[in-house]
Amino acid sequence: MIEGRAAVRNDGARFQTLDGWRGVCALLVVCFHAPVTGFAETSGLIRNAFLFVDFFFVLSGFVIAHAFYETLRESRDFGRFFLLRLARVYPLHLAMLLLPLAFECARLALKGPGETFQGGTSLEGLLASLMMVQSFGFLDTLTWNYPSWSISAELVAYAAFAGVVVTAPRLLVPLSVLSIVVGLPVIAMVIGTMDASSNLGWLRCLAGFSVGVILRRVVWRDGAAAEAKRHPTSWSLAELAAVLLVGVFVSRQGGTDLAYAAPFVFGLALYVFAHEGGILSRALKTRPFAFLGLISYSLYMTHAFVIDRVHNAVTVLGKLAGEELFVQSATRNELIGPEAWQGTLALVVIVAVTIVFSALTYRFVEKPGMALGRRLVGRSERSGTPAKSPAAA
């Protein structure tokens, strides 16, 4: 899941490999948005890395169904579940609105109203972001912290999942199938590309989320991970094949009509790695990947702000040096780096700063937000009927 919920197994352990995957995919999305020349511009994997948002959606459906289906079905406490989800995502979302808002207010003070609160920083965009309706088609384009559209879309998936489980759990799988067979064709007909975001982004999320739900409720077997560990060679080969499949698919088909198959390709890879039986799974459990998984939500939500500040810094540096450090691109406007090495260096800086900044926002924004959510839920339970579902990590 985008916001980095711990992937928890029934035995209380985490799907640590999936945490590692989440961190890697978040970094690929960072590279995708980085406006630089060099490797990021020429790599098909990075050019089409917008598709890794669909991996987050599939993972979210799998993890949420795994961790919350039974407790929601028994407790029927929709409010508790949704409050915990909202407390998990909204504090950082709000923080990453307030930071660019402060910069825009500073621009207003320095330059006057003519050049501020326009386009990507419009007041209507700010209102849509505050209300988390960026993926509903109210605006023609993404604004402010543009990656946050997917968080607004995930709230729709959370609500739909919990609503069905609480009221009609037997319909969860049939409705999930319906979300896929209706959602993807509608996106194809209305948007014409898998890159739906400000318009029908919620439907794109619901389709991917539903693939994850079906994987968990229909395909996954309890005890499968323990069994897989007895066949490390076979699962190592399966993991290698899954990585190659994802890499080739995203690199070569990300810009084609086959991109609509992304939820299924990612679902297959997720299913393979959820067994944690091979050598690549062991690598993804190491500290660097575990750390990236831990801060993956912050990586996803802070990188647009970091990119804007690096753009500001390069602009100032170019003026001081008397050199033009940007080139024009037919598809992506200004790119940093007249020379490929300059663009690659800028990418390294963006990634490094985003990681450091994300570690701070995880510590000082995400964790306090989760704690606040648990306190609010605990307070409501003390004044009412306790619920059985576990707190979100």
Protein backbone atom coordinates (compact mmCIF):
# COMPACT_ATOMS: atom_id res chain seq x y z
CA MET A 1 0.00 0.00 0.00
CA ILE A 2 1.21 3.48 -0.77
CA GLU A 3 1.04 4.75 2.74
CA GLY A 4 3.29 2.02 4.00
CA ARG A 5 0.98 -0.04 6.15
CA ALA A 6 2.88 -3.01 7.49
CA ALA A 7 2.13 -6.13 5.49
CA VAL A 8 1.06 -8.45 8.30
CA ARG A 9 0.65 -12.21 8.20
CA ASN A 10 -1.71 -14.21 10.36
CA ASP A 11 1.16 -15.32 12.58
CA GLY A 12 1.82 -11.69 13.49
CA ALA A 13 4.93 -11.42 11.29
CA ARG A 14 5.20 -9.00 8.41
CA PHE A 15 5.47 -9.72 4.72
CA GLN A 16 8.88 -8.07 4.88
CA THR A 17 9.58 -8.78 1.23
CA LEU A 18 6.50 -6.80 0.21
CA ASP A 19 7.66 -3.93 2.43
CA GLY A 20 10.92 -3.95 0.46
CA TRP A 21 9.05 -3.99 -2.84
CA ARG A 22 7.04 -0.98 -1.70
CA GLY A 23 10.18 1.01 -1.01
CA VAL A 24 11.75 0.15 -4.37
CA CYS A 25 8.58 1.09 -6.25
CA ALA A 26 8.34 4.38 -4.36
CA LEU A 27 11.89 5.26 -5.46
CA LEU A 28 11.04 4.40 -9.06
CA VAL A 29 8.09 6.79 -8.92
CA VAL A 30 10.43 9.47 -7.54
CA CYS A 31 12.75 8.92 -10.52
CA PHE A 32 9.78 9.03 -12.90
CA HIS A 33 8.76 12.49 -11.72
CA ALA A 34 12.32 13.88 -11.61
CA PRO A 35 12.66 16.36 -14.52
CA VAL A 36 16.21 15.41 -15.50
CA THR A 37 18.18 14.30 -18.51
CA GLY A 38 20.49 11.31 -18.53
CA PHE A 39 19.56 7.85 -17.31
CA ALA A 40 16.08 8.79 -16.08
CA GLU A 41 15.17 10.15 -19.50
CA THR A 42 16.43 7.22 -21.53
CA SER A 43 15.40 4.29 -19.30
CA GLY A 44 12.11 2.73 -20.36
CA LEU A 45 11.65 1.41 -16.83
CA ILE A 46 11.72 4.94 -15.40
CA ARG A 47 9.82 6.59 -18.25
CA ASN A 48 6.90 4.23 -17.58
CA ALA A 49 7.28 4.04 -13.80
CA PHE A 50 3.90 5.73 -13.33
CA LEU A 51 2.61 2.16 -13.54
CA PHE A 52 4.16 1.29 -10.19
CA VAL A 53 1.31 3.21 -8.57
CA ASP A 54 -0.81 0.25 -9.70
CA PHE A 55 1.53 -2.04 -7.77
CA PHE A 56 0.71 0.00 -4.67
CA PHE A 57 -3.00 -0.43 -5.33
CA VAL A 58 -2.73 -4.21 -5.71
CA LEU A 59 -0.54 -4.47 -2.61
CA SER A 60 -3.02 -2.35 -0.68
CA GLY A 61 -5.92 -4.62 -1.55
CA PHE A 62 -3.93 -7.72 -0.61
CA VAL A 63 -2.74 -6.35 2.74
CA ILE A 64 -6.02 -4.74 3.76
CA ALA A 65 -7.97 -7.92 2.95
CA HIS A 66 -5.39 -9.98 4.82
CA ALA A 67 -5.30 -7.84 7.94
CA PHE A 68 -8.85 -6.59 8.25
CA TYR A 69 -11.36 -8.90 6.55
CA GLU A 70 -12.05 -11.15 9.52
CA THR A 71 -12.02 -8.43 12.16
CA LEU A 72 -14.26 -6.14 10.11
CA ARG A 73 -16.67 -8.96 9.39
CA GLU A 74 -16.92 -9.75 13.11
CA SER A 75 -16.87 -6.25 14.58
CA ARG A 76 -18.83 -4.47 11.80
CA ASP A 77 -17.07 -1.32 12.94
CA PHE A 78 -16.71 0.69 9.74
CA GLY A 79 -16.04 3.94 11.60
CA ARG A 80 -13.06 2.61 13.54
CA PHE A 81 -11.45 1.14 10.47
CA PHE A 82 -11.90 4.27 8.38
CA LEU A 83 -10.75 6.61 11.13
CA LEU A 84 -7.53 4.64 11.51
CA ARG A 85 -6.98 4.71 7.76
CA LEU A 86 -7.62 8.44 7.63
CA ALA A 87 -5.28 9.07 10.55
CA ARG A 88 -2.64 7.05 8.70
CA VAL A 89 -2.71 9.08 5.49
CA TYR A 90 -4.05 12.56 6.23
CA PRO A 91 -1.42 14.10 8.57
CA LEU A 92 1.40 13.77 6.03
CA HIS A 93 -0.97 14.75 3.23
CA LEU A 94 -1.83 17.93 5.13
CA ALA A 95 1.81 18.65 5.94
CA MET A 96 2.75 18.35 2.28
CA LEU A 97 0.03 20.83 1.42
CA LEU A 98 1.06 23.35 4.06
CA LEU A 99 4.72 23.40 2.99
CA PRO A 100 4.10 24.42 -0.66
CA LEU A 101 1.32 26.72 0.56
CA ALA A 102 3.89 28.55 2.68
CA PHE A 103 6.15 28.91 -0.37
CA GLU A 104 3.25 30.19 -2.45
CA CYS A 105 2.36 32.74 0.24
CA ALA A 106 5.99 33.88 0.22
CA ARG A 107 5.81 34.29 -3.58
CA LEU A 108 2.61 36.29 -3.14
CA ALA A 109 4.36 38.64 -0.72
CA LEU A 110 7.34 39.06 -3.05
CA LYS A 111 5.71 39.14 -6.50
CA GLY A 112 2.11 40.11 -5.91
CA PRO A 113 -1.10 38.30 -6.88
CA GLY A 114 -0.51 38.12 -10.64
CA GLU A 115 1.82 35.10 -10.62
CA THR A 116 0.62 33.20 -7.57
CA PHE A 117 -2.16 30.74 -6.79
CA GLN A 118 -2.53 29.93 -10.48
CA GLY A 119 -2.41 26.66 -12.43
CA GLY A 120 -0.84 23.94 -10.34
CA THR A 121 -1.20 26.00 -7.17
CA SER A 122 -4.75 27.26 -7.71
CA LEU A 123 -7.13 27.90 -4.82
CA GLU A 124 -9.66 25.43 -6.24
CA GLY A 125 -6.90 22.83 -6.39
CA LEU A 126 -6.05 23.55 -2.77
CA LEU A 127 -9.68 23.03 -1.76
CA ALA A 128 -9.87 19.75 -3.71
CA SER A 129 -6.69 18.53 -2.07
CA LEU A 130 -7.85 19.44 1.42
CA MET A 131 -11.05 17.50 0.81
CA MET A 132 -9.10 14.65 -0.85
CA VAL A 133 -11.19 14.59 -4.02
CA GLN A 134 -8.28 15.08 -6.45
CA SER A 135 -9.05 11.86 -8.36
CA PHE A 136 -12.77 12.52 -8.91
CA GLY A 137 -12.54 14.65 -12.06
CA PHE A 138 -13.49 17.99 -10.51
CA LEU A 139 -10.30 19.51 -11.97
CA ASP A 140 -8.75 18.94 -15.38
CA THR A 141 -5.25 18.48 -14.03
CA LEU A 142 -3.35 17.56 -10.89
CA THR A 143 -2.43 20.41 -8.56
CA TRP A 144 -0.32 21.13 -5.48
CA ASN A 145 1.22 17.88 -4.22
CA TYR A 146 0.25 16.01 -7.36
CA PRO A 147 1.14 12.43 -6.24
CA SER A 148 -1.53 12.69 -3.54
CA TRP A 149 -4.29 11.93 -6.07
CA SER A 150 -3.68 8.24 -5.41
CA ILE A 151 -4.23 8.70 -1.67
CA SER A 152 -7.65 10.20 -2.32
CA ALA A 153 -8.35 7.23 -4.59
CA GLU A 154 -7.29 4.76 -1.90
CA LEU A 155 -9.78 6.28 0.52
CA VAL A 156 -12.50 5.27 -1.93
CA ALA A 157 -11.13 1.72 -1.98
CA TYR A 158 -10.94 1.60 1.83
CA ALA A 159 -14.54 2.77 2.15
CA ALA A 160 -15.80 0.36 -0.50
CA PHE A 161 -13.96 -2.59 1.03
CA ALA A 162 -15.10 -1.89 4.57
CA GLY A 163 -18.66 -1.12 3.49
CA VAL A 164 -19.00 -4.43 1.67
CA VAL A 165 -17.34 -6.51 4.40
CA VAL A 166 -19.50 -4.95 7.10
CA THR A 167 -22.80 -5.27 5.22
CA ALA A 168 -22.44 -8.15 2.74
CA PRO A 169 -19.11 -9.97 3.06
CA ARG A 170 -20.14 -12.74 0.66
CA LEU A 171 -20.30 -10.15 -2.10
CA LEU A 172 -16.71 -8.99 -1.65
CA VAL A 173 -15.17 -11.22 -4.31
CA PRO A 174 -18.01 -10.85 -6.89
CA LEU A 175 -17.95 -7.07 -6.50
CA SER A 176 -14.17 -7.07 -6.76
CA VAL A 177 -14.42 -8.94 -10.05
CA LEU A 178 -17.02 -6.43 -11.22
CA SER A 179 -14.72 -3.53 -10.33
CA ILE A 180 -12.04 -5.00 -12.59
CA VAL A 181 -14.16 -6.02 -15.59
CA VAL A 182 -16.00 -2.69 -15.58
CA GLY A 183 -13.30 -0.35 -14.32
CA LEU A 184 -10.48 -1.07 -16.75
CA PRO A 185 -12.64 -0.85 -19.92
CA VAL A 186 -14.19 2.40 -18.69
CA ILE A 187 -10.73 3.88 -18.13
CA ALA A 188 -9.70 2.74 -21.61
CA MET A 189 -12.77 4.30 -23.24
CA VAL A 190 -12.82 7.56 -21.28
CA ILE A 191 -9.13 8.28 -20.64
CA GLY A 192 -7.50 6.24 -23.42
CA THR A 193 -4.49 5.36 -21.26
CA MET A 194 -3.79 3.56 -18.01
CA ASP A 195 -2.38 6.81 -16.60
CA ALA A 196 -5.73 7.91 -15.12
CA SER A 197 -5.22 10.29 -12.19
CA SER A 198 -7.23 13.51 -11.82
CA ASN A 199 -10.11 11.93 -13.72
CA LEU A 200 -11.17 8.35 -12.86
CA GLY A 201 -8.08 7.84 -10.73
CA TRP A 202 -10.36 6.37 -8.07
CA LEU A 203 -11.59 3.75 -10.56
CA ARG A 204 -8.02 2.82 -11.50
CA CYS A 205 -7.28 2.37 -7.81
CA LEU A 206 -10.42 0.31 -7.22
CA ALA A 207 -9.50 -2.07 -10.04
CA GLY A 208 -5.98 -2.64 -8.72
CA PHE A 209 -7.18 -2.88 -5.13
CA SER A 210 -9.71 -5.50 -6.21
CA VAL A 211 -6.99 -7.63 -7.80
CA GLY A 212 -5.21 -7.64 -4.43
CA VAL A 213 -8.41 -8.53 -2.60
CA ILE A 214 -9.05 -11.48 -4.93
CA LEU A 215 -5.47 -12.68 -4.54
CA ARG A 216 -5.89 -12.79 -0.78
CA ARG A 217 -9.42 -14.10 -0.52
CA VAL A 218 -9.35 -16.63 -3.38
CA VAL A 219 -5.77 -17.53 -4.30
CA TRP A 220 -3.64 -17.22 -1.16
CA ARG A 221 -3.40 -20.18 1.24
CA ASP A 222 -2.51 -19.83 4.89
CA GLY A 223 0.75 -21.65 5.49
CA ALA A 224 1.92 -21.13 1.90
CA ALA A 225 4.92 -19.08 3.01
CA ALA A 226 6.13 -21.77 5.40
CA GLU A 227 5.82 -24.40 2.70
CA ALA A 228 7.69 -22.25 0.16
CA LYS A 229 10.74 -22.03 2.41
CA ARG A 230 11.30 -25.76 1.88
CA HIS A 231 11.90 -25.16 -1.84
CA PRO A 232 14.30 -22.19 -2.00
CA THR A 233 15.70 -22.98 -5.46
CA SER A 234 12.30 -23.18 -7.12
CA TRP A 235 11.08 -20.00 -5.49
CA SER A 236 14.33 -18.19 -6.29
CA LEU A 237 13.76 -18.98 -9.96
CA ALA A 238 10.12 -17.89 -9.67
CA GLU A 239 11.17 -14.60 -8.07
CA LEU A 240 13.76 -13.94 -10.77
CA ALA A 241 11.16 -14.63 -13.45
CA ALA A 242 8.69 -12.27 -11.72
CA VAL A 243 11.25 -9.45 -11.57
CA LEU A 244 12.14 -9.93 -15.24
CA LEU A 245 8.46 -9.97 -16.17
CA VAL A 246 7.78 -6.72 -14.31
CA GLY A 247 10.89 -5.03 -15.70
CA VAL A 248 10.23 -6.02 -19.32
CA PHE A 249 6.51 -5.28 -19.06
CA VAL A 250 6.94 -1.79 -17.62
CA SER A 251 9.86 -0.91 -19.89
CA ARG A 252 8.33 -2.08 -23.15
CA GLN A 253 4.57 -2.06 -22.66
CA GLY A 254 4.05 0.82 -20.23
CA GLY A 255 3.15 3.19 -23.05
CA THR A 256 0.95 0.76 -24.98
CA ASP A 257 -2.55 -0.63 -24.60
CA LEU A 258 -1.08 -3.63 -22.80
CA ALA A 259 -0.50 -1.31 -19.83
CA TYR A 260 -4.07 -2.11 -18.76
CA ALA A 261 -2.72 -5.50 -17.73
CA ALA A 262 -0.51 -3.87 -15.08
CA PRO A 263 -2.65 -4.90 -12.07
CA PHE A 264 -2.45 -8.54 -13.17
CA VAL A 265 1.30 -8.46 -13.83
CA PHE A 266 1.93 -6.83 -10.46
CA GLY A 267 -0.51 -9.22 -8.82
CA LEU A 268 1.48 -12.18 -10.09
CA ALA A 269 4.75 -10.68 -8.82
CA LEU A 270 3.17 -9.87 -5.46
CA TYR A 271 1.85 -13.41 -5.12
CA VAL A 272 5.27 -14.89 -5.84
CA PHE A 273 7.11 -12.63 -3.39
CA ALA A 274 4.48 -12.97 -0.66
CA HIS A 275 5.76 -16.54 -0.21
CA GLU A 276 9.19 -15.15 0.72
CA GLY A 277 10.80 -18.38 -0.36
CA GLY A 278 13.68 -17.30 -2.60
CA ILE A 279 17.00 -15.50 -2.53
CA LEU A 280 15.57 -12.22 -3.79
CA SER A 281 13.10 -12.23 -0.91
CA ARG A 282 15.99 -12.56 1.49
CA ALA A 283 17.69 -9.59 -0.15
CA LEU A 284 14.50 -7.50 0.15
CA LYS A 285 14.41 -8.22 3.89
CA THR A 286 17.79 -6.60 4.50
CA ARG A 287 18.02 -3.31 6.38
CA PRO A 288 18.30 -0.92 3.41
CA PHE A 289 15.17 -2.28 1.76
CA ALA A 290 13.33 -2.55 5.08
CA PHE A 291 14.13 1.12 5.72
CA LEU A 292 12.87 2.16 2.29
CA GLY A 293 9.67 0.21 2.93
CA LEU A 294 9.23 1.92 6.29
CA ILE A 295 9.46 5.41 4.80
CA SER A 296 7.81 4.55 1.47
CA TYR A 297 4.71 6.66 2.10
CA SER A 298 6.89 9.65 2.88
CA LEU A 299 9.02 8.97 -0.20
CA TYR A 300 5.88 9.03 -2.29
CA MET A 301 4.35 12.09 -0.67
CA THR A 302 7.40 14.35 -0.25
CA HIS A 303 9.28 13.91 -3.50
CA ALA A 304 7.27 16.46 -5.52
CA PHE A 305 8.13 19.15 -2.96
CA VAL A 306 11.79 18.12 -3.01
CA ILE A 307 11.84 18.22 -6.82
CA ASP A 308 10.45 21.77 -6.81
CA ARG A 309 13.08 22.92 -4.33
CA VAL A 310 15.91 21.31 -6.33
CA HIS A 311 14.50 23.08 -9.40
CA ASN A 312 14.66 26.37 -7.47
CA ALA A 313 18.23 25.67 -6.38
CA VAL A 314 19.37 24.81 -9.92
CA THR A 315 17.77 28.01 -11.22
CA VAL A 316 19.71 30.08 -8.69
CA LEU A 317 22.91 28.14 -9.36
CA GLY A 318 22.57 28.72 -13.09
CA LYS A 319 22.15 32.46 -12.61
CA LEU A 320 25.16 32.65 -10.29
CA ALA A 321 27.29 30.65 -12.73
CA GLY A 322 25.99 32.45 -15.78
CA GLU A 323 25.02 29.15 -17.42
CA GLU A 324 21.78 27.67 -18.67
CA LEU A 325 21.26 24.46 -16.69
CA PHE A 326 17.91 23.52 -18.23
CA VAL A 327 16.94 22.10 -21.59
CA GLN A 328 13.52 22.03 -23.20
CA SER A 329 11.74 18.74 -23.73
CA ALA A 330 8.86 18.16 -26.13
CA THR A 331 7.05 15.95 -23.61
CA ARG A 332 8.20 17.07 -20.13
CA ASN A 333 8.86 20.84 -20.39
CA GLU A 334 12.11 21.85 -18.70
CA LEU A 335 14.65 19.18 -17.80
CA ILE A 336 17.67 19.71 -15.57
CA GLY A 337 20.97 19.04 -17.29
CA PRO A 338 22.23 20.15 -20.71
CA GLU A 339 24.67 17.28 -20.31
CA ALA A 340 23.52 13.78 -19.36
CA TRP A 341 25.89 13.61 -16.39
CA GLN A 342 24.37 16.80 -14.99
CA GLY A 343 20.88 15.31 -15.19
CA THR A 344 22.03 12.09 -13.56
CA LEU A 345 23.74 14.06 -10.79
CA ALA A 346 20.55 16.03 -10.22
CA LEU A 347 18.62 12.75 -9.99
CA VAL A 348 21.03 11.44 -7.35
CA VAL A 349 20.57 14.66 -5.36
CA ILE A 350 16.77 14.45 -5.64
CA VAL A 351 16.70 10.83 -4.48
CA ALA A 352 19.15 11.44 -1.62
CA VAL A 353 17.35 14.54 -0.33
CA THR A 354 13.99 12.80 -0.63
CA ILE A 355 15.22 9.86 1.45
CA VAL A 356 16.60 12.13 4.19
CA PHE A 357 13.51 14.32 4.20
CA SER A 358 11.25 11.25 4.26
CA ALA A 359 13.05 9.83 7.28
CA LEU A 360 12.25 13.09 9.08
CA THR A 361 8.60 13.22 8.01
CA TYR A 362 8.11 9.60 9.01
CA ARG A 363 9.50 10.35 12.46
CA PHE A 364 7.82 13.68 13.08
CA VAL A 365 4.59 13.50 11.03
CA GLU A 366 3.60 9.91 10.22
CA LYS A 367 4.28 8.34 13.61
CA PRO A 368 2.54 11.07 15.62
CA GLY A 369 -0.39 10.87 13.20
CA MET A 370 -0.75 7.14 13.73
CA ALA A 371 -0.54 7.62 17.49
CA LEU A 372 -3.24 10.29 17.32
CA GLY A 373 -5.51 7.94 15.38
CA ARG A 374 -5.08 5.22 17.98
CA ARG A 375 -5.83 7.68 20.79
CA LEU A 376 -8.98 8.90 19.05
CA VAL A 377 -10.17 5.35 18.49
CA GLY A 378 -9.36 4.40 22.07
CA ARG A 379 -11.30 7.40 23.36
CA SER A 380 -14.35 6.50 21.28
CA GLU A 381 -14.17 2.89 22.47
CA ARG A 382 -14.04 3.94 26.11
CA SER A 383 -17.25 5.90 25.57
CA GLY A 384 -18.93 3.20 23.49
CA THR A 385 -18.67 -0.40 22.38
CA PRO A 386 -15.12 -1.71 21.89
CA ALA A 387 -14.21 -2.98 18.46
CA LYS A 388 -12.14 -6.03 17.70
CA SER A 389 -10.15 -4.89 14.68
CA PRO A 390 -6.44 -4.24 15.16
CA ALA A 391 -4.97 -0.79 14.97
CA ALA A 392 -3.35 0.13 11.69
CA ALA A 393 0.40 0.10 11.72
